[in-house]
Amino acid sequence: MKRLAKAARRGTTYPFVVEVDGQFAGQVSVNNIVRGSAQFASIGYWIDQDFAGRGVIPRAVAMVIDHCFFVAGLHRVEICIRPENTNSLRVVEKLGIREIGYAPRFLHIDGEWRDHRIFAITKEEAPHGVLARLEGTPEH
């Protein structure tokens, strides 16, 4: 936890708590923040099984992406998902985030190098925000 707090102070990570009715339900983390000419980051997320299936994570991820674009000044956000993780794949589908690639043996998880599908969105693709797009708010 101290490492996460230190990274947040440095501006290389933004950890967000997900609460449902005042109860801790999960987390959305913005990681690997790159500034300079890149202005991008990666997002990871999880939710406690007791809160899954209620649309909480799509809304939380949309809010965090909007924060990245409109508050933190980032231009691009990536989400990398293991191909068998159908719940996470459903999140990017609901948010309309396009798949841009496939990364074989991308991350070392549970003792093995795991493949990931890569999804990305830029600020131009959601000029009024990802939350507005999720909620079907008409474009201005």
Protein backbone atom coordinates (compact mmCIF):
# COMPACT_ATOMS: atom_id res chain seq x y z
CA MET A 1 0.00 0.00 0.00
CA LYS A 2 2.90 2.36 0.72
CA ARG A 3 4.32 1.72 -2.76
CA LEU A 4 0.95 2.64 -4.32
CA ALA A 5 0.71 5.84 -2.26
CA LYS A 6 4.25 6.82 -3.24
CA ALA A 7 3.52 6.21 -6.94
CA ALA A 8 0.34 8.30 -6.63
CA ARG A 9 2.31 11.19 -5.12
CA ARG A 10 4.81 10.94 -8.00
CA GLY A 11 1.92 11.04 -10.48
CA THR A 12 2.73 7.70 -12.11
CA THR A 13 -0.36 5.95 -10.72
CA TYR A 14 -3.88 7.05 -9.81
CA PRO A 15 -5.67 4.53 -7.56
CA PHE A 16 -9.46 4.89 -7.27
CA VAL A 17 -11.65 3.09 -4.75
CA VAL A 18 -15.02 1.82 -5.96
CA GLU A 19 -17.78 2.08 -3.38
CA VAL A 20 -21.36 0.88 -3.56
CA ASP A 21 -23.72 2.31 -0.94
CA GLY A 22 -20.73 3.23 1.21
CA GLN A 23 -19.16 -0.23 1.03
CA PHE A 24 -15.76 -0.93 -0.51
CA ALA A 25 -16.52 -2.88 -3.69
CA GLY A 26 -13.40 -2.77 -5.83
CA GLN A 27 -10.73 -0.64 -7.45
CA VAL A 28 -9.83 1.07 -10.71
CA SER A 29 -6.15 1.90 -11.11
CA VAL A 30 -4.49 4.13 -13.67
CA ASN A 31 -0.94 2.81 -14.10
CA ASN A 32 2.15 3.43 -16.19
CA ILE A 33 1.30 7.09 -16.72
CA VAL A 34 3.58 8.53 -19.38
CA ARG A 35 3.82 12.28 -19.88
CA GLY A 36 5.75 14.26 -22.48
CA SER A 37 4.68 13.70 -26.07
CA ALA A 38 2.85 10.43 -25.21
CA GLN A 39 0.29 11.47 -22.53
CA PHE A 40 -1.09 7.97 -22.00
CA ALA A 41 -1.72 5.38 -19.31
CA SER A 42 -3.07 1.88 -18.67
CA ILE A 43 -6.15 1.08 -16.63
CA GLY A 44 -6.82 -2.03 -14.57
CA TYR A 45 -9.90 -2.82 -12.52
CA TRP A 46 -11.57 -5.40 -10.34
CA ILE A 47 -14.77 -5.71 -8.33
CA ASP A 48 -15.80 -7.92 -5.45
CA GLN A 49 -18.02 -10.78 -6.59
CA ASP A 50 -20.84 -9.53 -4.33
CA PHE A 51 -21.14 -6.38 -6.47
CA ALA A 52 -20.52 -7.88 -9.92
CA GLY A 53 -23.13 -7.72 -12.65
CA ARG A 54 -24.69 -4.43 -11.53
CA GLY A 55 -22.95 -2.14 -14.04
CA VAL A 56 -20.71 -0.70 -11.33
CA ILE A 57 -17.36 -1.32 -13.03
CA PRO A 58 -18.32 0.00 -16.48
CA ARG A 59 -19.50 3.22 -14.83
CA ALA A 60 -16.40 3.44 -12.61
CA VAL A 61 -14.03 2.81 -15.53
CA ALA A 62 -15.87 5.42 -17.62
CA MET A 63 -15.54 7.96 -14.81
CA VAL A 64 -11.83 7.22 -14.40
CA ILE A 65 -11.17 7.52 -18.14
CA ASP A 66 -13.01 10.87 -18.12
CA HIS A 67 -10.82 11.95 -15.21
CA CYS A 68 -7.74 10.94 -17.21
CA PHE A 69 -8.86 12.95 -20.24
CA PHE A 70 -10.45 16.04 -18.68
CA VAL A 71 -8.61 16.46 -15.36
CA ALA A 72 -5.23 14.72 -15.71
CA GLY A 73 -4.72 15.84 -19.31
CA LEU A 74 -4.01 12.41 -20.78
CA HIS A 75 -4.70 11.72 -24.45
CA ARG A 76 -4.90 7.91 -24.63
CA VAL A 77 -5.88 5.12 -22.25
CA GLU A 78 -5.21 1.42 -22.77
CA ILE A 79 -6.85 -1.58 -21.14
CA CYS A 80 -5.17 -4.99 -21.48
CA ILE A 81 -7.34 -8.05 -20.80
CA ARG A 82 -6.67 -11.76 -20.72
CA PRO A 83 -8.65 -13.42 -23.54
CA GLU A 84 -10.52 -15.72 -21.16
CA ASN A 85 -11.66 -12.86 -18.90
CA THR A 86 -15.14 -12.50 -20.38
CA ASN A 87 -16.36 -10.17 -17.61
CA SER A 88 -13.61 -7.63 -18.29
CA LEU A 89 -14.11 -7.97 -22.03
CA ARG A 90 -17.77 -7.10 -21.51
CA VAL A 91 -16.71 -3.85 -19.76
CA VAL A 92 -14.75 -2.56 -22.76
CA GLU A 93 -17.56 -3.68 -25.05
CA LYS A 94 -20.13 -1.68 -23.03
CA LEU A 95 -17.84 1.35 -23.11
CA GLY A 96 -17.26 1.08 -26.86
CA ILE A 97 -13.48 0.85 -26.52
CA ARG A 98 -11.92 -0.64 -29.63
CA GLU A 99 -9.47 -3.51 -29.74
CA ILE A 100 -6.13 -2.48 -31.20
CA GLY A 101 -3.97 -5.56 -30.79
CA TYR A 102 -2.92 -8.78 -29.17
CA ALA A 103 0.10 -9.23 -26.91
CA PRO A 104 1.35 -12.81 -26.53
CA ARG A 105 2.93 -13.59 -23.14
CA PHE A 106 2.32 -9.98 -22.02
CA LEU A 107 2.23 -10.24 -18.21
CA HIS A 108 3.53 -12.78 -15.68
CA ILE A 109 0.44 -13.86 -13.72
CA ASP A 110 0.01 -16.94 -11.50
CA GLY A 111 3.45 -18.25 -12.43
CA GLU A 112 2.94 -18.07 -16.21
CA TRP A 113 3.34 -15.50 -18.99
CA ARG A 114 -0.21 -14.67 -20.07
CA ASP A 115 -1.53 -13.37 -23.39
CA HIS A 116 -3.63 -10.20 -23.43
CA ARG A 117 -5.97 -8.44 -25.81
CA ILE A 118 -5.26 -4.70 -25.99
CA PHE A 119 -7.98 -2.06 -26.13
CA ALA A 120 -7.46 1.70 -26.36
CA ILE A 121 -9.38 4.96 -26.52
CA THR A 122 -8.26 8.52 -27.20
CA LYS A 123 -9.83 11.76 -26.07
CA GLU A 124 -11.00 12.47 -29.63
CA GLU A 125 -13.04 9.26 -29.63
CA ALA A 126 -15.10 10.44 -26.66
CA PRO A 127 -15.18 14.26 -26.89
CA HIS A 128 -18.00 14.49 -24.34
CA GLY A 129 -16.66 11.71 -22.14
CA VAL A 130 -16.96 7.97 -21.85
CA LEU A 131 -19.57 8.23 -19.09
CA ALA A 132 -21.83 10.32 -21.35
CA ARG A 133 -21.39 7.71 -24.08
CA LEU A 134 -22.20 4.88 -21.65
CA GLU A 135 -25.34 6.67 -20.49
CA GLY A 136 -26.39 7.45 -24.03
CA THR A 137 -26.26 11.20 -23.47
CA PRO A 138 -26.73 12.94 -26.82
CA GLU A 139 -23.66 14.68 -28.25
CA HIS A 140 -23.69 18.46 -27.98
